[in-house]
Structures are given as C-alpha cells and as structure tokens.
Amino acid sequence: MISTTTDQRIAVNYALHNQRGYVYAIELNHGGKSVDTLLRGKSLSEIATLNIPPEDIMFALGPFTGAETSYSKLMESEELRTAELMINPHSQASLEVAERAFEKMKATLKYPLSPEMSFSERYINRADLFWHEAEASLPTYH
C-alpha cells in the first residue's frame, strides 16, 4: 500500500498503521505532481505518483511498526522509532535537497547517526555504500 504526502506526520502514521511500512523521501524531478486532496476539510498534502523513476528516490526510513502507536507517540518515545536509514545509491537529487528531507525525518530514527559519518557524507558517498547482499559475500579475516 502506498500513501503519498508532503507531511512527515501523515507518512509515518500511514506506515505505522500498515505494519512495517517505510517512508521514502522523493524529489520530483521526472514525474509526480502535488494535488489538493482534502479529508474532513484538512489537506492530505498528497502527491500524485505519476511514473516516479527510482533515481528520484533519495532515501527510505523504516520499518515503522506498531499499529497501536502514532507519530506523536513515536516522537515522545525513542524505543518506538525506527533504526534503518537506506540511501539510494542511484539518487540524482542534490545534497541540499536530500539534507532538507532528512532534517524533516531524522527525529523518527531510534539512534543518532554516527559522528564518524554524517548524513551529508553518507549521501555524497552513496554509490560506495554496501548493501546487505554485498556484505554477505565479504570474506572475514581472523
């Protein structure tokens, strides 16, 4: 299930209530358009996902679990937050755009990023990041 929104509170609540959902940060370069969708008189801040290519996805956070929780509870309780940040190595979004998106979402992370490598450094070096499949085949030395 996919919900599209420009409001991180709505995105996280949607991911929580659909168990193990992820929130993807997207820069609309090649598709998509903001639409004015209202629910009970309030804007859903939605985006119409019109053929968004993979390179427009900057990163994902998740999985968000706990159908009985909400964004506000998640902000109050660190143990309810997520621990995964996955940066898309093929993203074409600028560092500035990715940093702004991360600033909006970083409060949903259970742990702060390591001081040895900031989000900016991770994003700049995203093509060099290991993925689970690559890490599994690395030799171990004793």
N, C-alpha and C. Protein backbone atom coordinates (compact mmCIF):
# COMPACT_ATOMS: atom_id res chain seq x y z
N MET A 1 0.84 -1.17 0.00
CA MET A 1 0.00 0.00 0.00
C MET A 1 0.88 1.23 0.00
N ILE A 2 0.49 2.23 -0.73
CA ILE A 2 1.28 3.45 -0.82
C ILE A 2 0.40 4.64 -0.52
N SER A 3 0.89 5.52 0.33
CA SER A 3 0.27 6.82 0.55
C SER A 3 1.32 7.85 0.19
N THR A 4 0.93 8.88 -0.48
CA THR A 4 1.89 9.91 -0.86
C THR A 4 1.50 11.21 -0.20
N THR A 5 2.48 11.84 0.43
CA THR A 5 2.21 13.08 1.16
C THR A 5 3.48 13.90 1.30
N THR A 6 3.32 15.19 1.54
CA THR A 6 4.46 16.05 1.83
C THR A 6 4.57 16.30 3.33
N ASP A 7 3.73 15.67 4.13
CA ASP A 7 3.71 15.85 5.58
C ASP A 7 4.26 14.59 6.25
N GLN A 8 5.42 14.71 6.92
CA GLN A 8 6.05 13.52 7.52
C GLN A 8 5.17 12.87 8.57
N ARG A 9 4.35 13.63 9.28
CA ARG A 9 3.45 13.06 10.30
C ARG A 9 2.47 12.10 9.64
N ILE A 10 1.88 12.52 8.53
CA ILE A 10 0.92 11.67 7.82
C ILE A 10 1.62 10.42 7.27
N ALA A 11 2.81 10.60 6.71
CA ALA A 11 3.55 9.47 6.13
C ALA A 11 3.90 8.44 7.19
N VAL A 12 4.39 8.88 8.33
CA VAL A 12 4.77 7.95 9.40
C VAL A 12 3.55 7.25 9.97
N ASN A 13 2.46 7.98 10.20
CA ASN A 13 1.23 7.35 10.70
C ASN A 13 0.74 6.28 9.73
N TYR A 14 0.80 6.56 8.44
CA TYR A 14 0.37 5.59 7.43
C TYR A 14 1.26 4.34 7.49
N ALA A 15 2.57 4.55 7.58
CA ALA A 15 3.50 3.41 7.66
C ALA A 15 3.26 2.60 8.92
N LEU A 16 3.01 3.26 10.04
CA LEU A 16 2.75 2.56 11.30
C LEU A 16 1.50 1.69 11.21
N HIS A 17 0.45 2.24 10.67
CA HIS A 17 -0.82 1.52 10.64
C HIS A 17 -0.89 0.45 9.56
N ASN A 18 0.11 0.42 8.69
CA ASN A 18 0.18 -0.65 7.70
C ASN A 18 1.34 -1.59 8.02
N GLN A 19 1.76 -1.61 9.28
CA GLN A 19 2.76 -2.52 9.81
C GLN A 19 3.99 -2.71 8.92
N ARG A 20 5.10 -2.34 9.45
CA ARG A 20 6.40 -2.50 8.81
C ARG A 20 6.52 -1.67 7.53
N GLY A 21 5.84 -0.54 7.52
CA GLY A 21 5.92 0.35 6.37
C GLY A 21 7.17 1.20 6.39
N TYR A 22 7.57 1.66 5.23
CA TYR A 22 8.72 2.54 5.07
C TYR A 22 8.25 3.89 4.56
N VAL A 23 8.99 4.93 4.91
CA VAL A 23 8.74 6.27 4.38
C VAL A 23 9.89 6.58 3.42
N TYR A 24 9.54 6.89 2.18
CA TYR A 24 10.53 7.20 1.15
C TYR A 24 10.57 8.70 0.93
N ALA A 25 11.78 9.26 0.88
CA ALA A 25 11.96 10.67 0.57
C ALA A 25 12.22 10.78 -0.93
N ILE A 26 11.39 11.55 -1.61
CA ILE A 26 11.45 11.63 -3.07
C ILE A 26 11.57 13.08 -3.51
N GLU A 27 12.44 13.32 -4.48
CA GLU A 27 12.47 14.62 -5.14
C GLU A 27 11.83 14.43 -6.50
N LEU A 28 10.78 15.19 -6.77
CA LEU A 28 10.05 15.03 -8.02
C LEU A 28 10.77 15.75 -9.16
N ASN A 29 11.63 15.02 -9.86
CA ASN A 29 12.37 15.57 -10.99
C ASN A 29 11.73 15.19 -12.31
N HIS A 30 11.25 13.95 -12.39
CA HIS A 30 10.82 13.41 -13.67
C HIS A 30 9.36 12.98 -13.69
N GLY A 31 8.63 13.22 -12.65
CA GLY A 31 7.23 12.82 -12.60
C GLY A 31 6.62 13.23 -11.28
N GLY A 32 5.33 13.06 -11.14
CA GLY A 32 4.66 13.41 -9.91
C GLY A 32 4.23 14.86 -9.90
N LYS A 33 3.24 15.14 -9.10
CA LYS A 33 2.68 16.49 -9.04
C LYS A 33 1.87 16.60 -7.76
N SER A 34 1.96 17.75 -7.10
CA SER A 34 1.16 17.97 -5.90
C SER A 34 -0.31 18.06 -6.29
N VAL A 35 -1.16 17.47 -5.47
CA VAL A 35 -2.60 17.53 -5.71
C VAL A 35 -3.27 18.01 -4.43
N ASP A 36 -4.38 18.71 -4.56
CA ASP A 36 -5.08 19.24 -3.39
C ASP A 36 -6.18 18.27 -2.99
N THR A 37 -5.87 17.35 -2.08
CA THR A 37 -6.82 16.36 -1.61
C THR A 37 -7.18 16.69 -0.17
N LEU A 38 -8.46 16.76 0.10
CA LEU A 38 -8.92 17.09 1.45
C LEU A 38 -9.60 15.89 2.10
N LEU A 39 -9.41 15.74 3.40
CA LEU A 39 -10.11 14.74 4.20
C LEU A 39 -10.65 15.47 5.42
N ARG A 40 -11.96 15.48 5.56
CA ARG A 40 -12.62 16.21 6.65
C ARG A 40 -12.16 17.66 6.69
N GLY A 41 -12.01 18.25 5.52
CA GLY A 41 -11.65 19.66 5.42
C GLY A 41 -10.18 19.99 5.61
N LYS A 42 -9.33 18.95 5.84
CA LYS A 42 -7.90 19.18 6.02
C LYS A 42 -7.15 18.59 4.84
N SER A 43 -6.12 19.30 4.40
CA SER A 43 -5.30 18.83 3.28
C SER A 43 -4.53 17.58 3.68
N LEU A 44 -4.44 16.62 2.77
CA LEU A 44 -3.61 15.43 2.99
C LEU A 44 -2.20 15.66 2.47
N SER A 45 -1.94 16.81 1.87
CA SER A 45 -0.61 17.14 1.34
C SER A 45 -0.11 16.03 0.43
N GLU A 46 -0.98 15.53 -0.43
CA GLU A 46 -0.63 14.38 -1.25
C GLU A 46 0.13 14.76 -2.52
N ILE A 47 0.79 13.74 -3.05
CA ILE A 47 1.49 13.85 -4.32
C ILE A 47 0.94 12.74 -5.20
N ALA A 48 0.61 13.09 -6.43
CA ALA A 48 0.19 12.06 -7.38
C ALA A 48 1.46 11.41 -7.91
N THR A 49 1.60 10.12 -7.70
CA THR A 49 2.82 9.42 -8.12
C THR A 49 2.70 9.01 -9.58
N LEU A 50 3.04 9.91 -10.44
CA LEU A 50 2.94 9.66 -11.87
C LEU A 50 4.29 9.23 -12.41
N ASN A 51 4.52 7.93 -12.44
CA ASN A 51 5.75 7.37 -13.00
C ASN A 51 7.01 7.95 -12.38
N ILE A 52 7.12 7.88 -11.09
CA ILE A 52 8.33 8.37 -10.42
C ILE A 52 9.43 7.33 -10.62
N PRO A 53 10.52 7.71 -11.27
CA PRO A 53 11.60 6.75 -11.51
C PRO A 53 12.45 6.53 -10.25
N PRO A 54 13.15 5.41 -10.17
CA PRO A 54 13.94 5.10 -8.97
C PRO A 54 14.97 6.18 -8.62
N GLU A 55 15.52 6.86 -9.60
CA GLU A 55 16.55 7.86 -9.29
C GLU A 55 15.99 9.10 -8.59
N ASP A 56 14.67 9.24 -8.52
CA ASP A 56 14.06 10.35 -7.78
C ASP A 56 13.91 10.02 -6.29
N ILE A 57 14.11 8.75 -5.91
CA ILE A 57 14.04 8.35 -4.50
C ILE A 57 15.40 8.63 -3.86
N MET A 58 15.40 9.46 -2.82
CA MET A 58 16.66 9.82 -2.16
C MET A 58 17.05 8.80 -1.09
N PHE A 59 16.10 8.47 -0.21
CA PHE A 59 16.37 7.52 0.87
C PHE A 59 15.04 7.02 1.43
N ALA A 60 15.15 6.00 2.27
CA ALA A 60 13.97 5.45 2.95
C ALA A 60 14.30 5.28 4.43
N LEU A 61 13.29 5.43 5.26
CA LEU A 61 13.39 5.17 6.69
C LEU A 61 12.32 4.15 7.06
N GLY A 62 12.66 3.23 7.94
CA GLY A 62 11.69 2.24 8.34
C GLY A 62 12.39 1.01 8.89
N PRO A 63 11.73 -0.09 9.11
CA PRO A 63 10.28 -0.19 9.03
C PRO A 63 9.63 0.44 10.26
N PHE A 64 8.48 1.03 10.05
CA PHE A 64 7.71 1.58 11.16
C PHE A 64 6.70 0.52 11.57
N THR A 65 6.73 0.15 12.84
CA THR A 65 5.84 -0.91 13.33
C THR A 65 5.00 -0.38 14.48
N GLY A 66 3.94 -1.05 14.76
CA GLY A 66 3.10 -0.70 15.89
C GLY A 66 1.82 -0.01 15.49
N ALA A 67 0.84 -0.80 15.10
CA ALA A 67 -0.45 -0.25 14.67
C ALA A 67 -1.13 0.52 15.79
N GLU A 68 -0.74 0.26 17.03
CA GLU A 68 -1.37 0.93 18.17
C GLU A 68 -0.68 2.24 18.54
N THR A 69 0.34 2.62 17.80
CA THR A 69 1.05 3.85 18.11
C THR A 69 0.75 4.91 17.05
N SER A 70 1.35 6.07 17.21
CA SER A 70 1.13 7.17 16.28
C SER A 70 2.40 8.00 16.18
N TYR A 71 2.42 8.93 15.25
CA TYR A 71 3.58 9.80 15.08
C TYR A 71 3.89 10.55 16.38
N SER A 72 2.88 11.08 17.04
CA SER A 72 3.13 11.85 18.27
C SER A 72 3.70 10.95 19.37
N LYS A 73 3.22 9.71 19.50
CA LYS A 73 3.78 8.79 20.49
C LYS A 73 5.21 8.41 20.13
N LEU A 74 5.46 8.25 18.85
CA LEU A 74 6.79 7.91 18.36
C LEU A 74 7.78 9.02 18.70
N MET A 75 7.34 10.27 18.59
CA MET A 75 8.20 11.41 18.92
C MET A 75 8.50 11.48 20.42
N GLU A 76 7.57 11.00 21.23
CA GLU A 76 7.75 11.03 22.69
C GLU A 76 8.58 9.86 23.20
N SER A 77 8.58 8.74 22.47
CA SER A 77 9.20 7.52 22.97
C SER A 77 10.23 6.97 21.98
N GLU A 78 11.51 7.09 22.34
CA GLU A 78 12.60 6.68 21.47
C GLU A 78 12.52 5.21 21.06
N GLU A 79 12.08 4.33 21.98
CA GLU A 79 12.06 2.89 21.65
C GLU A 79 11.05 2.53 20.57
N LEU A 80 10.11 3.41 20.27
CA LEU A 80 9.13 3.15 19.21
C LEU A 80 9.64 3.54 17.81
N ARG A 81 10.75 4.24 17.78
CA ARG A 81 11.26 4.75 16.50
C ARG A 81 11.94 3.66 15.69
N THR A 82 12.27 3.98 14.45
CA THR A 82 12.91 3.03 13.55
C THR A 82 14.43 3.15 13.62
N ALA A 83 15.13 2.14 13.13
CA ALA A 83 16.59 2.15 13.19
C ALA A 83 17.23 2.11 11.82
N GLU A 84 16.45 2.06 10.76
CA GLU A 84 17.04 1.90 9.43
C GLU A 84 16.95 3.17 8.58
N LEU A 85 18.08 3.53 8.01
CA LEU A 85 18.18 4.58 7.00
C LEU A 85 18.82 3.93 5.79
N MET A 86 18.12 3.91 4.68
CA MET A 86 18.66 3.33 3.46
C MET A 86 18.74 4.41 2.39
N ILE A 87 19.96 4.74 1.99
CA ILE A 87 20.18 5.77 0.98
C ILE A 87 20.26 5.11 -0.38
N ASN A 88 19.54 5.67 -1.33
CA ASN A 88 19.52 5.13 -2.69
C ASN A 88 20.81 5.53 -3.41
N PRO A 89 21.65 4.57 -3.80
CA PRO A 89 22.91 4.91 -4.46
C PRO A 89 22.71 5.55 -5.84
N HIS A 90 21.52 5.44 -6.39
CA HIS A 90 21.25 5.96 -7.74
C HIS A 90 20.51 7.29 -7.72
N SER A 91 20.29 7.85 -6.54
CA SER A 91 19.56 9.11 -6.43
C SER A 91 20.27 10.22 -7.19
N GLN A 92 19.48 11.03 -7.88
CA GLN A 92 20.03 12.17 -8.61
C GLN A 92 19.72 13.50 -7.92
N ALA A 93 19.08 13.45 -6.78
CA ALA A 93 18.76 14.68 -6.04
C ALA A 93 20.03 15.29 -5.49
N SER A 94 20.04 16.60 -5.38
CA SER A 94 21.21 17.30 -4.85
C SER A 94 21.35 17.03 -3.35
N LEU A 95 22.55 17.25 -2.85
CA LEU A 95 22.81 17.09 -1.42
C LEU A 95 21.91 18.00 -0.61
N GLU A 96 21.71 19.24 -1.05
CA GLU A 96 20.90 20.20 -0.31
C GLU A 96 19.45 19.71 -0.16
N VAL A 97 18.90 19.18 -1.23
CA VAL A 97 17.52 18.68 -1.19
C VAL A 97 17.43 17.47 -0.25
N ALA A 98 18.38 16.55 -0.37
CA ALA A 98 18.39 15.35 0.49
C ALA A 98 18.55 15.74 1.96
N GLU A 99 19.42 16.70 2.24
CA GLU A 99 19.61 17.15 3.63
C GLU A 99 18.33 17.74 4.21
N ARG A 100 17.62 18.55 3.42
CA ARG A 100 16.36 19.14 3.90
C ARG A 100 15.34 18.05 4.22
N ALA A 101 15.25 17.05 3.35
CA ALA A 101 14.31 15.94 3.59
C ALA A 101 14.72 15.16 4.83
N PHE A 102 16.02 14.91 4.99
CA PHE A 102 16.49 14.16 6.16
C PHE A 102 16.23 14.93 7.44
N GLU A 103 16.42 16.24 7.42
CA GLU A 103 16.17 17.06 8.61
C GLU A 103 14.72 16.92 9.08
N LYS A 104 13.78 16.81 8.13
CA LYS A 104 12.36 16.64 8.48
C LYS A 104 12.09 15.27 9.10
N MET A 105 12.89 14.27 8.71
CA MET A 105 12.59 12.89 9.11
C MET A 105 13.51 12.33 10.19
N LYS A 106 14.64 12.95 10.47
CA LYS A 106 15.63 12.33 11.36
C LYS A 106 15.11 12.09 12.78
N ALA A 107 14.12 12.82 13.21
CA ALA A 107 13.57 12.61 14.55
C ALA A 107 12.87 11.26 14.69
N THR A 108 12.60 10.58 13.57
CA THR A 108 11.95 9.27 13.63
C THR A 108 12.97 8.14 13.83
N LEU A 109 14.26 8.46 13.80
CA LEU A 109 15.30 7.45 13.99
C LEU A 109 15.51 7.17 15.48
N LYS A 110 15.70 5.91 15.80
CA LYS A 110 15.91 5.48 17.18
C LYS A 110 17.26 5.96 17.71
N TYR A 111 18.26 5.97 16.84
CA TYR A 111 19.61 6.35 17.25
C TYR A 111 20.11 7.48 16.37
N PRO A 112 20.94 8.38 16.93
CA PRO A 112 21.54 9.40 16.06
C PRO A 112 22.56 8.73 15.14
N LEU A 113 22.81 9.34 14.01
CA LEU A 113 23.83 8.81 13.11
C LEU A 113 25.19 8.91 13.78
N SER A 114 26.07 8.01 13.43
CA SER A 114 27.42 8.01 13.99
C SER A 114 28.12 9.33 13.67
N PRO A 115 28.81 9.91 14.65
CA PRO A 115 29.52 11.17 14.38
C PRO A 115 30.65 10.99 13.37
N GLU A 116 31.09 9.74 13.16
CA GLU A 116 32.16 9.49 12.19
C GLU A 116 31.69 9.71 10.75
N MET A 117 30.36 9.60 10.51
CA MET A 117 29.86 9.80 9.16
C MET A 117 28.47 10.42 9.22
N SER A 118 28.40 11.68 8.87
CA SER A 118 27.13 12.42 8.89
C SER A 118 26.23 11.97 7.75
N PHE A 119 24.98 12.42 7.78
CA PHE A 119 24.08 12.14 6.67
C PHE A 119 24.66 12.69 5.37
N SER A 120 25.20 13.90 5.41
CA SER A 120 25.77 14.52 4.21
C SER A 120 26.88 13.66 3.62
N GLU A 121 27.78 13.17 4.48
CA GLU A 121 28.87 12.31 3.99
C GLU A 121 28.34 11.01 3.43
N ARG A 122 27.35 10.44 4.08
CA ARG A 122 26.75 9.20 3.58
C ARG A 122 26.12 9.43 2.21
N TYR A 123 25.41 10.54 2.09
CA TYR A 123 24.71 10.82 0.83
C TYR A 123 25.71 11.11 -0.29
N ILE A 124 26.74 11.88 0.00
CA ILE A 124 27.77 12.19 -1.01
C ILE A 124 28.43 10.91 -1.49
N ASN A 125 28.68 9.97 -0.58
CA ASN A 125 29.37 8.72 -0.91
C ASN A 125 28.40 7.57 -1.15
N ARG A 126 27.16 7.88 -1.50
CA ARG A 126 26.12 6.85 -1.59
C ARG A 126 26.43 5.74 -2.58
N ALA A 127 27.16 6.00 -3.64
CA ALA A 127 27.48 4.94 -4.61
C ALA A 127 28.44 3.93 -4.01
N ASP A 128 29.14 4.30 -2.93
CA ASP A 128 30.10 3.40 -2.30
C ASP A 128 29.51 2.60 -1.14
N LEU A 129 28.25 2.85 -0.81
CA LEU A 129 27.64 2.15 0.32
C LEU A 129 27.46 0.67 0.02
N PHE A 130 27.71 -0.16 1.02
CA PHE A 130 27.45 -1.59 0.88
C PHE A 130 25.98 -1.87 1.09
N TRP A 131 25.47 -2.86 0.42
CA TRP A 131 24.10 -3.31 0.62
C TRP A 131 24.17 -4.70 1.23
N HIS A 132 23.10 -5.15 1.84
CA HIS A 132 23.10 -6.43 2.55
C HIS A 132 23.62 -7.57 1.68
N GLU A 133 23.23 -7.60 0.41
CA GLU A 133 23.68 -8.67 -0.48
C GLU A 133 25.19 -8.63 -0.65
N ALA A 134 25.75 -7.44 -0.78
CA ALA A 134 27.20 -7.30 -0.97
C ALA A 134 27.93 -7.66 0.32
N GLU A 135 27.40 -7.28 1.45
CA GLU A 135 28.06 -7.54 2.73
C GLU A 135 28.11 -9.03 3.04
N ALA A 136 27.10 -9.77 2.63
CA ALA A 136 27.03 -11.19 2.94
C ALA A 136 28.17 -11.97 2.31
N SER A 137 28.69 -11.49 1.19
CA SER A 137 29.74 -12.24 0.49
C SER A 137 31.14 -11.75 0.81
N LEU A 138 31.29 -10.79 1.72
CA LEU A 138 32.62 -10.30 2.09
C LEU A 138 33.34 -11.36 2.91
N PRO A 139 34.62 -11.59 2.60
CA PRO A 139 35.38 -12.57 3.39
C PRO A 139 35.66 -12.01 4.78
N THR A 140 35.75 -12.90 5.75
CA THR A 140 36.10 -12.48 7.11
C THR A 140 37.51 -12.95 7.40
N TYR A 141 38.28 -12.11 8.06
CA TYR A 141 39.67 -12.44 8.40
C TYR A 141 39.80 -12.53 9.91
N HIS A 142 40.54 -13.52 10.36
CA HIS A 142 40.72 -13.71 11.81
C HIS A 142 42.14 -13.43 12.19
